Amino acid sequence: MLGQISYAITTRQQSEARFRTLVEQAVDAFFVVDQQGQIIDVNQTACHDLGYSRDELLRLTVPDIQKAFTAADFEKIWPQLQPGRLTTITSSVHQGTVVTVTLPLAGPGKDGLAKV
């Protein structure tokens, strides 16, 4: 029994490491946010595209980088997020440049986090 648990843990850790590698090497920006819009995780592409360091982005919320949404707007939008649904947003980046992107939003999973 202990061997099976150890194997399961090792397998999961390996899977998570492979996923992390894929996300970090992605050419698209990747964000994980919670229900309040707090940014929980990002990849390097997100940092580069928006002009923030990883530490800076992890201190921000979606409304901080998505000027079209207030915190109240985000609370209304959260329940409507569905996996695979496309939405167009306009984001203001650190240097003041505005970019328009189309993002596939993955609605909140079992962990309560949305992946963008």
PDB file of N, CA and C in Angstrom:
ATOM      1  N   MET A   1       0.831  -1.204   0.000  1.00  0.00           N
ATOM      2  CA  MET A   1       0.000   0.000   0.000  1.00  0.00           C
ATOM      3  C   MET A   1       0.870   1.261   0.000  1.00  0.00           C
ATOM      4  N   LEU A   2       1.882   1.278   0.858  1.00  0.00           N
ATOM      5  CA  LEU A   2       2.767   2.437   0.934  1.00  0.00           C
ATOM      6  C   LEU A   2       3.500   2.635  -0.394  1.00  0.00           C
ATOM      7  N   GLY A   3       3.880   1.533  -1.036  1.00  0.00           N
ATOM      8  CA  GLY A   3       4.545   1.600  -2.331  1.00  0.00           C
ATOM      9  C   GLY A   3       3.650   2.212  -3.399  1.00  0.00           C
ATOM     10  N   GLN A   4       2.354   1.895  -3.361  1.00  0.00           N
ATOM     11  CA  GLN A   4       1.408   2.438  -4.331  1.00  0.00           C
ATOM     12  C   GLN A   4       1.228   3.937  -4.122  1.00  0.00           C
ATOM     13  N   ILE A   5       1.179   4.342  -2.868  1.00  0.00           N
ATOM     14  CA  ILE A   5       1.032   5.776  -2.562  1.00  0.00           C
ATOM     15  C   ILE A   5       2.266   6.529  -3.026  1.00  0.00           C
ATOM     16  N   SER A   6       3.431   5.985  -2.739  1.00  0.00           N
ATOM     17  CA  SER A   6       4.683   6.607  -3.162  1.00  0.00           C
ATOM     18  C   SER A   6       4.758   6.718  -4.678  1.00  0.00           C
ATOM     19  N   TYR A   7       4.353   5.662  -5.381  1.00  0.00           N
ATOM     20  CA  TYR A   7       4.342   5.665  -6.841  1.00  0.00           C
ATOM     21  C   TYR A   7       3.376   6.729  -7.378  1.00  0.00           C
ATOM     22  N   ALA A   8       2.203   6.817  -6.766  1.00  0.00           N
ATOM     23  CA  ALA A   8       1.206   7.798  -7.202  1.00  0.00           C
ATOM     24  C   ALA A   8       1.730   9.223  -7.009  1.00  0.00           C
ATOM     25  N   ILE A   9       2.381   9.465  -5.887  1.00  0.00           N
ATOM     26  CA  ILE A   9       2.929  10.798  -5.625  1.00  0.00           C
ATOM     27  C   ILE A   9       4.023  11.130  -6.634  1.00  0.00           C
ATOM     28  N   THR A  10       4.915  10.188  -6.875  1.00  0.00           N
ATOM     29  CA  THR A  10       6.006  10.397  -7.830  1.00  0.00           C
ATOM     30  C   THR A  10       5.459  10.645  -9.228  1.00  0.00           C
ATOM     31  N   THR A  11       4.469   9.868  -9.630  1.00  0.00           N
ATOM     32  CA  THR A  11       3.860  10.027 -10.954  1.00  0.00           C
ATOM     33  C   THR A  11       3.226  11.405 -11.089  1.00  0.00           C
ATOM     34  N   ARG A  12       2.532  11.833 -10.056  1.00  0.00           N
ATOM     35  CA  ARG A  12       1.895  13.158 -10.106  1.00  0.00           C
ATOM     36  C   ARG A  12       2.936  14.268 -10.173  1.00  0.00           C
ATOM     37  N   GLN A  13       4.005  14.144  -9.403  1.00  0.00           N
ATOM     38  CA  GLN A  13       5.065  15.148  -9.431  1.00  0.00           C
ATOM     39  C   GLN A  13       5.704  15.236 -10.809  1.00  0.00           C
ATOM     40  N   GLN A  14       5.912  14.096 -11.451  1.00  0.00           N
ATOM     41  CA  GLN A  14       6.482  14.081 -12.791  1.00  0.00           C
ATOM     42  C   GLN A  14       5.533  14.731 -13.796  1.00  0.00           C
ATOM     43  N   SER A  15       4.252  14.450 -13.655  1.00  0.00           N
ATOM     44  CA  SER A  15       3.251  15.042 -14.533  1.00  0.00           C
ATOM     45  C   SER A  15       3.206  16.558 -14.362  1.00  0.00           C
ATOM     46  N   GLU A  16       3.245  17.017 -13.122  1.00  0.00           N
ATOM     47  CA  GLU A  16       3.228  18.456 -12.853  1.00  0.00           C
ATOM     48  C   GLU A  16       4.487  19.129 -13.405  1.00  0.00           C
ATOM     49  N   ALA A  17       5.621  18.462 -13.307  1.00  0.00           N
ATOM     50  CA  ALA A  17       6.870  19.016 -13.836  1.00  0.00           C
ATOM     51  C   ALA A  17       6.796  19.135 -15.359  1.00  0.00           C
ATOM     52  N   ARG A  18       6.237  18.122 -16.030  1.00  0.00           N
ATOM     53  CA  ARG A  18       6.078  18.179 -17.489  1.00  0.00           C
ATOM     54  C   ARG A  18       5.136  19.316 -17.883  1.00  0.00           C
ATOM     55  N   PHE A  19       4.032  19.464 -17.145  1.00  0.00           N
ATOM     56  CA  PHE A  19       3.082  20.537 -17.421  1.00  0.00           C
ATOM     57  C   PHE A  19       3.748  21.897 -17.243  1.00  0.00           C
ATOM     58  N   ARG A  20       4.498  22.074 -16.170  1.00  0.00           N
ATOM     59  CA  ARG A  20       5.187  23.339 -15.896  1.00  0.00           C
ATOM     60  C   ARG A  20       6.155  23.659 -17.031  1.00  0.00           C
ATOM     61  N   THR A  21       6.876  22.662 -17.515  1.00  0.00           N
ATOM     62  CA  THR A  21       7.814  22.868 -18.624  1.00  0.00           C
ATOM     63  C   THR A  21       7.074  23.316 -19.873  1.00  0.00           C
ATOM     64  N   LEU A  22       5.960  22.674 -20.181  1.00  0.00           N
ATOM     65  CA  LEU A  22       5.168  23.060 -21.353  1.00  0.00           C
ATOM     66  C   LEU A  22       4.664  24.495 -21.240  1.00  0.00           C
ATOM     67  N   VAL A  23       4.165  24.847 -20.072  1.00  0.00           N
ATOM     68  CA  VAL A  23       3.634  26.194 -19.865  1.00  0.00           C
ATOM     69  C   VAL A  23       4.753  27.225 -19.983  1.00  0.00           C
ATOM     70  N   GLU A  24       5.887  26.961 -19.369  1.00  0.00           N
ATOM     71  CA  GLU A  24       6.994  27.914 -19.407  1.00  0.00           C
ATOM     72  C   GLU A  24       7.561  28.090 -20.806  1.00  0.00           C
ATOM     73  N   GLN A  25       7.499  27.070 -21.640  1.00  0.00           N
ATOM     74  CA  GLN A  25       8.048  27.155 -22.989  1.00  0.00           C
ATOM     75  C   GLN A  25       7.012  27.602 -24.018  1.00  0.00           C
ATOM     76  N   ALA A  26       5.791  27.829 -23.586  1.00  0.00           N
ATOM     77  CA  ALA A  26       4.725  28.233 -24.505  1.00  0.00           C
ATOM     78  C   ALA A  26       5.004  29.617 -25.078  1.00  0.00           C
ATOM     79  N   VAL A  27       4.617  29.815 -26.340  1.00  0.00           N
ATOM     80  CA  VAL A  27       4.764  31.125 -26.959  1.00  0.00           C
ATOM     81  C   VAL A  27       3.603  32.043 -26.596  1.00  0.00           C
ATOM     82  N   ASP A  28       2.547  31.477 -26.005  1.00  0.00           N
ATOM     83  CA  ASP A  28       1.401  32.263 -25.560  1.00  0.00           C
ATOM     84  C   ASP A  28       1.531  32.573 -24.078  1.00  0.00           C
ATOM     85  N   ALA A  29       0.976  33.720 -23.687  1.00  0.00           N
ATOM     86  CA  ALA A  29       0.951  34.081 -22.273  1.00  0.00           C
ATOM     87  C   ALA A  29      -0.008  33.152 -21.540  1.00  0.00           C
ATOM     88  N   PHE A  30       0.346  32.780 -20.332  1.00  0.00           N
ATOM     89  CA  PHE A  30      -0.461  31.868 -19.529  1.00  0.00           C
ATOM     90  C   PHE A  30      -0.630  32.473 -18.141  1.00  0.00           C
ATOM     91  N   PHE A  31      -1.884  32.578 -17.698  1.00  0.00           N
ATOM     92  CA  PHE A  31      -2.206  33.128 -16.379  1.00  0.00           C
ATOM     93  C   PHE A  31      -3.086  32.143 -15.623  1.00  0.00           C
ATOM     94  N   VAL A  32      -2.913  32.070 -14.321  1.00  0.00           N
ATOM     95  CA  VAL A  32      -3.833  31.364 -13.437  1.00  0.00           C
ATOM     96  C   VAL A  32      -4.322  32.416 -12.448  1.00  0.00           C
ATOM     97  N   VAL A  33      -5.650  32.554 -12.350  1.00  0.00           N
ATOM     98  CA  VAL A  33      -6.231  33.557 -11.460  1.00  0.00           C
ATOM     99  C   VAL A  33      -7.275  32.918 -10.559  1.00  0.00           C
ATOM    100  N   ASP A  34      -7.478  33.547  -9.393  1.00  0.00           N
ATOM    101  CA  ASP A  34      -8.512  33.036  -8.494  1.00  0.00           C
ATOM    102  C   ASP A  34      -9.807  33.811  -8.701  1.00  0.00           C
ATOM    103  N   GLN A  35     -10.805  33.475  -7.916  1.00  0.00           N
ATOM    104  CA  GLN A  35     -12.142  34.048  -8.093  1.00  0.00           C
ATOM    105  C   GLN A  35     -12.179  35.557  -7.857  1.00  0.00           C
ATOM    106  N   GLN A  36     -11.243  36.065  -7.090  1.00  0.00           N
ATOM    107  CA  GLN A  36     -11.180  37.504  -6.848  1.00  0.00           C
ATOM    108  C   GLN A  36     -10.373  38.234  -7.923  1.00  0.00           C
ATOM    109  N   GLY A  37      -9.827  37.471  -8.877  1.00  0.00           N
ATOM    110  CA  GLY A  37      -9.050  38.079  -9.944  1.00  0.00           C
ATOM    111  C   GLY A  37      -7.574  38.211  -9.613  1.00  0.00           C
ATOM    112  N   GLN A  38      -7.149  37.695  -8.468  1.00  0.00           N
ATOM    113  CA  GLN A  38      -5.736  37.741  -8.090  1.00  0.00           C
ATOM    114  C   GLN A  38      -4.942  36.798  -9.000  1.00  0.00           C
ATOM    115  N   ILE A  39      -3.856  37.300  -9.535  1.00  0.00           N
ATOM    116  CA  ILE A  39      -3.006  36.462 -10.383  1.00  0.00           C
ATOM    117  C   ILE A  39      -2.192  35.541  -9.483  1.00  0.00           C
ATOM    118  N   ILE A  40      -2.341  34.246  -9.699  1.00  0.00           N
ATOM    119  CA  ILE A  40      -1.700  33.222  -8.873  1.00  0.00           C
ATOM    120  C   ILE A  40      -0.427  32.705  -9.524  1.00  0.00           C
ATOM    121  N   ASP A  41      -0.420  32.616 -10.848  1.00  0.00           N
ATOM    122  CA  ASP A  41       0.750  32.098 -11.555  1.00  0.00           C
ATOM    123  C   ASP A  41       0.758  32.644 -12.973  1.00  0.00           C
ATOM    124  N   VAL A  42       1.938  32.789 -13.552  1.00  0.00           N
ATOM    125  CA  VAL A  42       2.119  33.254 -14.924  1.00  0.00           C
ATOM    126  C   VAL A  42       3.340  32.562 -15.508  1.00  0.00           C
ATOM    127  N   ASN A  43       3.434  32.563 -16.842  1.00  0.00           N
ATOM    128  CA  ASN A  43       4.660  32.086 -17.465  1.00  0.00           C
ATOM    129  C   ASN A  43       5.492  33.287 -17.916  1.00  0.00           C
ATOM    130  N   GLN A  44       6.689  33.002 -18.423  1.00  0.00           N
ATOM    131  CA  GLN A  44       7.590  34.084 -18.832  1.00  0.00           C
ATOM    132  C   GLN A  44       7.044  34.881 -20.009  1.00  0.00           C
ATOM    133  N   THR A  45       6.276  34.231 -20.882  1.00  0.00           N
ATOM    134  CA  THR A  45       5.695  34.945 -22.009  1.00  0.00           C
ATOM    135  C   THR A  45       4.735  36.030 -21.520  1.00  0.00           C
ATOM    136  N   ALA A  46       3.946  35.724 -20.502  1.00  0.00           N
ATOM    137  CA  ALA A  46       3.036  36.727 -19.929  1.00  0.00           C
ATOM    138  C   ALA A  46       3.830  37.909 -19.396  1.00  0.00           C
ATOM    139  N   CYS A  47       4.912  37.624 -18.701  1.00  0.00           N
ATOM    140  CA  CYS A  47       5.752  38.698 -18.154  1.00  0.00           C
ATOM    141  C   CYS A  47       6.308  39.563 -19.282  1.00  0.00           C
ATOM    142  N   HIS A  48       6.847  38.913 -20.300  1.00  0.00           N
ATOM    143  CA  HIS A  48       7.436  39.634 -21.428  1.00  0.00           C
ATOM    144  C   HIS A  48       6.385  40.458 -22.166  1.00  0.00           C
ATOM    145  N   ASP A  49       5.244  39.837 -22.479  1.00  0.00           N
ATOM    146  CA  ASP A  49       4.206  40.525 -23.247  1.00  0.00           C
ATOM    147  C   ASP A  49       3.662  41.755 -22.536  1.00  0.00           C
ATOM    148  N   LEU A  50       3.535  41.677 -21.215  1.00  0.00           N
ATOM    149  CA  LEU A  50       2.954  42.789 -20.470  1.00  0.00           C
ATOM    150  C   LEU A  50       3.997  43.738 -19.886  1.00  0.00           C
ATOM    151  N   GLY A  51       5.269  43.344 -19.943  1.00  0.00           N
ATOM    152  CA  GLY A  51       6.329  44.238 -19.475  1.00  0.00           C
ATOM    153  C   GLY A  51       6.503  44.269 -17.965  1.00  0.00           C
ATOM    154  N   TYR A  52       6.097  43.199 -17.290  1.00  0.00           N
ATOM    155  CA  TYR A  52       6.248  43.098 -15.840  1.00  0.00           C
ATOM    156  C   TYR A  52       7.179  41.941 -15.499  1.00  0.00           C
ATOM    157  N   SER A  53       7.799  42.011 -14.327  1.00  0.00           N
ATOM    158  CA  SER A  53       8.508  40.843 -13.822  1.00  0.00           C
ATOM    159  C   SER A  53       7.463  39.874 -13.278  1.00  0.00           C
ATOM    160  N   ARG A  54       7.863  38.632 -13.051  1.00  0.00           N
ATOM    161  CA  ARG A  54       6.946  37.636 -12.488  1.00  0.00           C
ATOM    162  C   ARG A  54       6.453  38.090 -11.117  1.00  0.00           C
ATOM    163  N   ASP A  55       7.376  38.579 -10.285  1.00  0.00           N
ATOM    164  CA  ASP A  55       6.994  39.039  -8.946  1.00  0.00           C
ATOM    165  C   ASP A  55       5.991  40.193  -9.014  1.00  0.00           C
ATOM    166  N   GLU A  56       6.180  41.099  -9.966  1.00  0.00           N
ATOM    167  CA  GLU A  56       5.237  42.210 -10.116  1.00  0.00           C
ATOM    168  C   GLU A  56       3.851  41.692 -10.489  1.00  0.00           C
ATOM    169  N   LEU A  57       3.787  40.793 -11.476  1.00  0.00           N
ATOM    170  CA  LEU A  57       2.490  40.267 -11.905  1.00  0.00           C
ATOM    171  C   LEU A  57       1.781  39.511 -10.790  1.00  0.00           C
ATOM    172  N   LEU A  58       2.521  38.783  -9.970  1.00  0.00           N
ATOM    173  CA  LEU A  58       1.895  38.007  -8.895  1.00  0.00           C
ATOM    174  C   LEU A  58       1.327  38.897  -7.793  1.00  0.00           C
ATOM    175  N   ARG A  59       1.644  40.173  -7.802  1.00  0.00           N
ATOM    176  CA  ARG A  59       1.060  41.112  -6.843  1.00  0.00           C
ATOM    177  C   ARG A  59      -0.166  41.832  -7.412  1.00  0.00           C
ATOM    178  N   LEU A  60      -0.477  41.562  -8.693  1.00  0.00           N
ATOM    179  CA  LEU A  60      -1.569  42.261  -9.363  1.00  0.00           C
ATOM    180  C   LEU A  60      -2.813  41.390  -9.483  1.00  0.00           C
ATOM    181  N   THR A  61      -3.901  42.051  -9.861  1.00  0.00           N
ATOM    182  CA  THR A  61      -5.160  41.372 -10.143  1.00  0.00           C
ATOM    183  C   THR A  61      -5.498  41.582 -11.616  1.00  0.00           C
ATOM    184  N   VAL A  62      -6.483  40.838 -12.107  1.00  0.00           N
ATOM    185  CA  VAL A  62      -6.912  41.013 -13.494  1.00  0.00           C
ATOM    186  C   VAL A  62      -7.305  42.465 -13.766  1.00  0.00           C
ATOM    187  N   PRO A  63      -8.098  43.122 -12.891  1.00  0.00           N
ATOM    188  CA  PRO A  63      -8.435  44.526 -13.164  1.00  0.00           C
ATOM    189  C   PRO A  63      -7.220  45.457 -13.207  1.00  0.00           C
ATOM    190  N   ASP A  64      -6.108  45.081 -12.563  1.00  0.00           N
ATOM    191  CA  ASP A  64      -4.898  45.909 -12.626  1.00  0.00           C
ATOM    192  C   ASP A  64      -4.290  45.908 -14.027  1.00  0.00           C
ATOM    193  N   ILE A  65      -4.371  44.783 -14.728  1.00  0.00           N
ATOM    194  CA  ILE A  65      -3.766  44.702 -16.063  1.00  0.00           C
ATOM    195  C   ILE A  65      -4.806  44.759 -17.171  1.00  0.00           C
ATOM    196  N   GLN A  66      -6.050  44.593 -16.824  1.00  0.00           N
ATOM    197  CA  GLN A  66      -7.155  44.598 -17.786  1.00  0.00           C
ATOM    198  C   GLN A  66      -7.998  45.824 -17.463  1.00  0.00           C
ATOM    199  N   LYS A  67      -7.610  46.949 -18.023  1.00  0.00           N
ATOM    200  CA  LYS A  67      -8.234  48.220 -17.656  1.00  0.00           C
ATOM    201  C   LYS A  67      -9.717  48.317 -18.026  1.00  0.00           C
ATOM    202  N   ALA A  68     -10.184  47.434 -18.909  1.00  0.00           N
ATOM    203  CA  ALA A  68     -11.593  47.459 -19.287  1.00  0.00           C
ATOM    204  C   ALA A  68     -12.488  46.897 -18.187  1.00  0.00           C
ATOM    205  N   PHE A  69     -11.909  46.169 -17.218  1.00  0.00           N
ATOM    206  CA  PHE A  69     -12.680  45.535 -16.147  1.00  0.00           C
ATOM    207  C   PHE A  69     -12.352  46.157 -14.796  1.00  0.00           C
ATOM    208  N   THR A  70     -13.381  46.464 -14.042  1.00  0.00           N
ATOM    209  CA  THR A  70     -13.188  46.821 -12.641  1.00  0.00           C
ATOM    210  C   THR A  70     -13.285  45.528 -11.831  1.00  0.00           C
ATOM    211  N   ALA A  71     -12.993  45.604 -10.555  1.00  0.00           N
ATOM    212  CA  ALA A  71     -13.128  44.420  -9.701  1.00  0.00           C
ATOM    213  C   ALA A  71     -14.575  43.933  -9.716  1.00  0.00           C
ATOM    214  N   ALA A  72     -15.538  44.860  -9.703  1.00  0.00           N
ATOM    215  CA  ALA A  72     -16.958  44.486  -9.740  1.00  0.00           C
ATOM    216  C   ALA A  72     -17.303  43.797 -11.069  1.00  0.00           C
ATOM    217  N   ASP A  73     -16.742  44.308 -12.173  1.00  0.00           N
ATOM    218  CA  ASP A  73     -16.969  43.674 -13.480  1.00  0.00           C
ATOM    219  C   ASP A  73     -16.439  42.247 -13.468  1.00  0.00           C
ATOM    220  N   PHE A  74     -15.253  42.053 -12.898  1.00  0.00           N
ATOM    221  CA  PHE A  74     -14.647  40.724 -12.865  1.00  0.00           C
ATOM    222  C   PHE A  74     -15.514  39.759 -12.074  1.00  0.00           C
ATOM    223  N   GLU A  75     -16.075  40.220 -10.962  1.00  0.00           N
ATOM    224  CA  GLU A  75     -16.951  39.360 -10.158  1.00  0.00           C
ATOM    225  C   GLU A  75     -18.171  38.915 -10.953  1.00  0.00           C
ATOM    226  N   LYS A  76     -18.680  39.780 -11.826  1.00  0.00           N
ATOM    227  CA  LYS A  76     -19.829  39.417 -12.661  1.00  0.00           C
ATOM    228  C   LYS A  76     -19.430  38.450 -13.773  1.00  0.00           C
ATOM    229  N   ILE A  77     -18.234  38.627 -14.311  1.00  0.00           N
ATOM    230  CA  ILE A  77     -17.764  37.809 -15.430  1.00  0.00           C
ATOM    231  C   ILE A  77     -17.374  36.407 -14.977  1.00  0.00           C
ATOM    232  N   TRP A  78     -16.802  36.281 -13.769  1.00  0.00           N
ATOM    233  CA  TRP A  78     -16.280  34.996 -13.287  1.00  0.00           C
ATOM    234  C   TRP A  78     -17.250  33.825 -13.473  1.00  0.00           C
ATOM    235  N   PRO A  79     -18.520  33.957 -13.040  1.00  0.00           N
ATOM    236  CA  PRO A  79     -19.435  32.813 -13.182  1.00  0.00           C
ATOM    237  C   PRO A  79     -19.728  32.432 -14.639  1.00  0.00           C
ATOM    238  N   GLN A  80     -19.469  33.351 -15.565  1.00  0.00           N
ATOM    239  CA  GLN A  80     -19.755  33.091 -16.972  1.00  0.00           C
ATOM    240  C   GLN A  80     -18.607  32.414 -17.706  1.00  0.00           C
ATOM    241  N   LEU A  81     -17.435  32.309 -17.075  1.00  0.00           N
ATOM    242  CA  LEU A  81     -16.282  31.691 -17.732  1.00  0.00           C
ATOM    243  C   LEU A  81     -16.552  30.217 -17.986  1.00  0.00           C
ATOM    244  N   GLN A  82     -16.320  29.801 -19.206  1.00  0.00           N
ATOM    245  CA  GLN A  82     -16.531  28.412 -19.596  1.00  0.00           C
ATOM    246  C   GLN A  82     -15.299  27.929 -20.343  1.00  0.00           C
ATOM    247  N   PRO A  83     -14.886  26.693 -20.122  1.00  0.00           N
ATOM    248  CA  PRO A  83     -13.744  26.157 -20.863  1.00  0.00           C
ATOM    249  C   PRO A  83     -13.952  26.252 -22.375  1.00  0.00           C
ATOM    250  N   GLY A  84     -12.918  26.729 -23.075  1.00  0.00           N
ATOM    251  CA  GLY A  84     -12.964  26.785 -24.527  1.00  0.00           C
ATOM    252  C   GLY A  84     -13.694  27.978 -25.105  1.00  0.00           C
ATOM    253  N   ARG A  85     -14.319  28.778 -24.287  1.00  0.00           N
ATOM    254  CA  ARG A  85     -15.055  29.944 -24.777  1.00  0.00           C
ATOM    255  C   ARG A  85     -14.066  31.066 -25.104  1.00  0.00           C
ATOM    256  N   LEU A  86     -14.184  31.639 -26.296  1.00  0.00           N
ATOM    257  CA  LEU A  86     -13.286  32.711 -26.700  1.00  0.00           C
ATOM    258  C   LEU A  86     -13.868  34.062 -26.336  1.00  0.00           C
ATOM    259  N   THR A  87     -13.007  34.932 -25.876  1.00  0.00           N
ATOM    260  CA  THR A  87     -13.426  36.289 -25.581  1.00  0.00           C
ATOM    261  C   THR A  87     -12.303  37.229 -25.974  1.00  0.00           C
ATOM    262  N   THR A  88     -12.638  38.439 -26.384  1.00  0.00           N
ATOM    263  CA  THR A  88     -11.643  39.433 -26.759  1.00  0.00           C
ATOM    264  C   THR A  88     -11.530  40.453 -25.646  1.00  0.00           C
ATOM    265  N   ILE A  89     -10.291  40.701 -25.240  1.00  0.00           N
ATOM    266  CA  ILE A  89     -10.061  41.695 -24.200  1.00  0.00           C
ATOM    267  C   ILE A  89      -8.975  42.660 -24.654  1.00  0.00           C
ATOM    268  N   THR A  90      -8.966  43.829 -24.071  1.00  0.00           N
ATOM    269  CA  THR A  90      -7.923  44.816 -24.330  1.00  0.00           C
ATOM    270  C   THR A  90      -7.152  45.009 -23.043  1.00  0.00           C
ATOM    271  N   SER A  91      -5.842  44.844 -23.124  1.00  0.00           N
ATOM    272  CA  SER A  91      -5.009  44.958 -21.938  1.00  0.00           C
ATOM    273  C   SER A  91      -4.034  46.106 -22.092  1.00  0.00           C
ATOM    274  N   SER A  92      -3.822  46.811 -21.009  1.00  0.00           N
ATOM    275  CA  SER A  92      -2.833  47.872 -20.975  1.00  0.00           C
ATOM    276  C   SER A  92      -1.565  47.301 -20.361  1.00  0.00           C
ATOM    277  N   VAL A  93      -0.450  47.441 -21.062  1.00  0.00           N
ATOM    278  CA  VAL A  93       0.789  46.875 -20.552  1.00  0.00           C
ATOM    279  C   VAL A  93       1.558  47.916 -19.745  1.00  0.00           C
ATOM    280  N   HIS A  94       2.582  47.476 -19.086  1.00  0.00           N
ATOM    281  CA  HIS A  94       3.359  48.285 -18.151  1.00  0.00           C
ATOM    282  C   HIS A  94       3.853  49.599 -18.746  1.00  0.00           C
ATOM    283  N   GLN A  95       4.312  49.570 -19.971  1.00  0.00           N
ATOM    284  CA  GLN A  95       4.834  50.789 -20.595  1.00  0.00           C
ATOM    285  C   GLN A  95       3.735  51.667 -21.182  1.00  0.00           C
ATOM    286  N   GLY A  96       2.485  51.305 -20.991  1.00  0.00           N
ATOM    287  CA  GLY A  96       1.382  52.108 -21.479  1.00  0.00           C
ATOM    288  C   GLY A  96       0.896  51.713 -22.863  1.00  0.00           C
ATOM    289  N   THR A  97       1.548  50.774 -23.509  1.00  0.00           N
ATOM    290  CA  THR A  97       1.121  50.295 -24.814  1.00  0.00           C
ATOM    291  C   THR A  97      -0.132  49.452 -24.638  1.00  0.00           C
ATOM    292  N   VAL A  98      -1.093  49.594 -25.541  1.00  0.00           N
ATOM    293  CA  VAL A  98      -2.323  48.817 -25.468  1.00  0.00           C
ATOM    294  C   VAL A  98      -2.301  47.751 -26.545  1.00  0.00           C
ATOM    295  N   VAL A  99      -2.644  46.527 -26.159  1.00  0.00           N
ATOM    296  CA  VAL A  99      -2.713  45.423 -27.114  1.00  0.00           C
ATOM    297  C   VAL A  99      -4.079  44.778 -27.023  1.00  0.00           C
ATOM    298  N   THR A 100      -4.576  44.260 -28.139  1.00  0.00           N
ATOM    299  CA  THR A 100      -5.826  43.512 -28.154  1.00  0.00           C
ATOM    300  C   THR A 100      -5.495  42.052 -28.392  1.00  0.00           C
ATOM    301  N   VAL A 101      -6.030  41.192 -27.543  1.00  0.00           N
ATOM    302  CA  VAL A 101      -5.758  39.769 -27.667  1.00  0.00           C
ATOM    303  C   VAL A 101      -7.062  38.994 -27.579  1.00  0.00           C
ATOM    304  N   THR A 102      -7.119  37.850 -28.245  1.00  0.00           N
ATOM    305  CA  THR A 102      -8.237  36.935 -28.120  1.00  0.00           C
ATOM    306  C   THR A 102      -7.748  35.750 -27.315  1.00  0.00           C
ATOM    307  N   LEU A 103      -8.430  35.469 -26.224  1.00  0.00           N
ATOM    308  CA  LEU A 103      -7.980  34.430 -25.306  1.00  0.00           C
ATOM    309  C   LEU A 103      -8.994  33.321 -25.149  1.00  0.00           C
ATOM    310  N   PRO A 104      -8.546  32.070 -25.195  1.00  0.00           N
ATOM    311  CA  PRO A 104      -9.429  30.975 -24.786  1.00  0.00           C
ATOM    312  C   PRO A 104      -9.397  30.901 -23.262  1.00  0.00           C
ATOM    313  N   LEU A 105     -10.525  31.117 -22.635  1.00  0.00           N
ATOM    314  CA  LEU A 105     -10.593  31.094 -21.179  1.00  0.00           C
ATOM    315  C   LEU A 105     -11.048  29.725 -20.709  1.00  0.00           C
ATOM    316  N   ALA A 106     -10.297  29.139 -19.802  1.00  0.00           N
ATOM    317  CA  ALA A 106     -10.701  27.885 -19.184  1.00  0.00           C
ATOM    318  C   ALA A 106     -11.356  28.245 -17.867  1.00  0.00           C
ATOM    319  N   GLY A 107     -12.625  27.965 -17.745  1.00  0.00           N
ATOM    320  CA  GLY A 107     -13.366  28.322 -16.546  1.00  0.00           C
ATOM    321  C   GLY A 107     -12.777  27.686 -15.308  1.00  0.00           C
ATOM    322  N   PRO A 108     -13.242  28.106 -14.165  1.00  0.00           N
ATOM    323  CA  PRO A 108     -12.720  27.596 -12.893  1.00  0.00           C
ATOM    324  C   PRO A 108     -12.783  26.079 -12.813  1.00  0.00           C
ATOM    325  N   GLY A 109     -11.674  25.493 -12.407  1.00  0.00           N
ATOM    326  CA  GLY A 109     -11.613  24.052 -12.222  1.00  0.00           C
ATOM    327  C   GLY A 109     -11.980  23.667 -10.801  1.00  0.00           C
ATOM    328  N   LYS A 110     -11.716  22.438 -10.451  1.00  0.00           N
ATOM    329  CA  LYS A 110     -12.019  21.950  -9.095  1.00  0.00           C
ATOM    330  C   LYS A 110     -11.271  22.740  -8.034  1.00  0.00           C
ATOM    331  N   ASP A 111     -10.112  23.293  -8.422  1.00  0.00           N
ATOM    332  CA  ASP A 111      -9.323  24.078  -7.473  1.00  0.00           C
ATOM    333  C   ASP A 111      -9.836  25.515  -7.342  1.00  0.00           C
ATOM    334  N   GLY A 112     -10.869  25.878  -8.126  1.00  0.00           N
ATOM    335  CA  GLY A 112     -11.436  27.207  -8.061  1.00  0.00           C
ATOM    336  C   GLY A 112     -10.654  28.239  -8.847  1.00  0.00           C
ATOM    337  N   LEU A 113      -9.636  27.800  -9.603  1.00  0.00           N
ATOM    338  CA  LEU A 113      -8.799  28.711 -10.355  1.00  0.00           C
ATOM    339  C   LEU A 113      -9.122  28.637 -11.831  1.00  0.00           C
ATOM    340  N   ALA A 114      -9.040  29.770 -12.506  1.00  0.00           N
ATOM    341  CA  ALA A 114      -9.247  29.813 -13.952  1.00  0.00           C
ATOM    342  C   ALA A 114      -7.896  29.909 -14.633  1.00  0.00           C
ATOM    343  N   LYS A 115      -7.772  29.225 -15.749  1.00  0.00           N
ATOM    344  CA  LYS A 115      -6.546  29.272 -16.532  1.00  0.00           C
ATOM    345  C   LYS A 115      -6.813  30.039 -17.808  1.00  0.00           C
ATOM    346  N   VAL A 116      -5.952  30.994 -18.107  1.00  0.00           N
ATOM    347  CA  VAL A 116      -6.099  31.815 -19.302  1.00  0.00           C
ATOM    348  C   VAL A 116      -4.876  31.616 -20.162  1.00  0.00           C
TER     349      VAL A 116
END
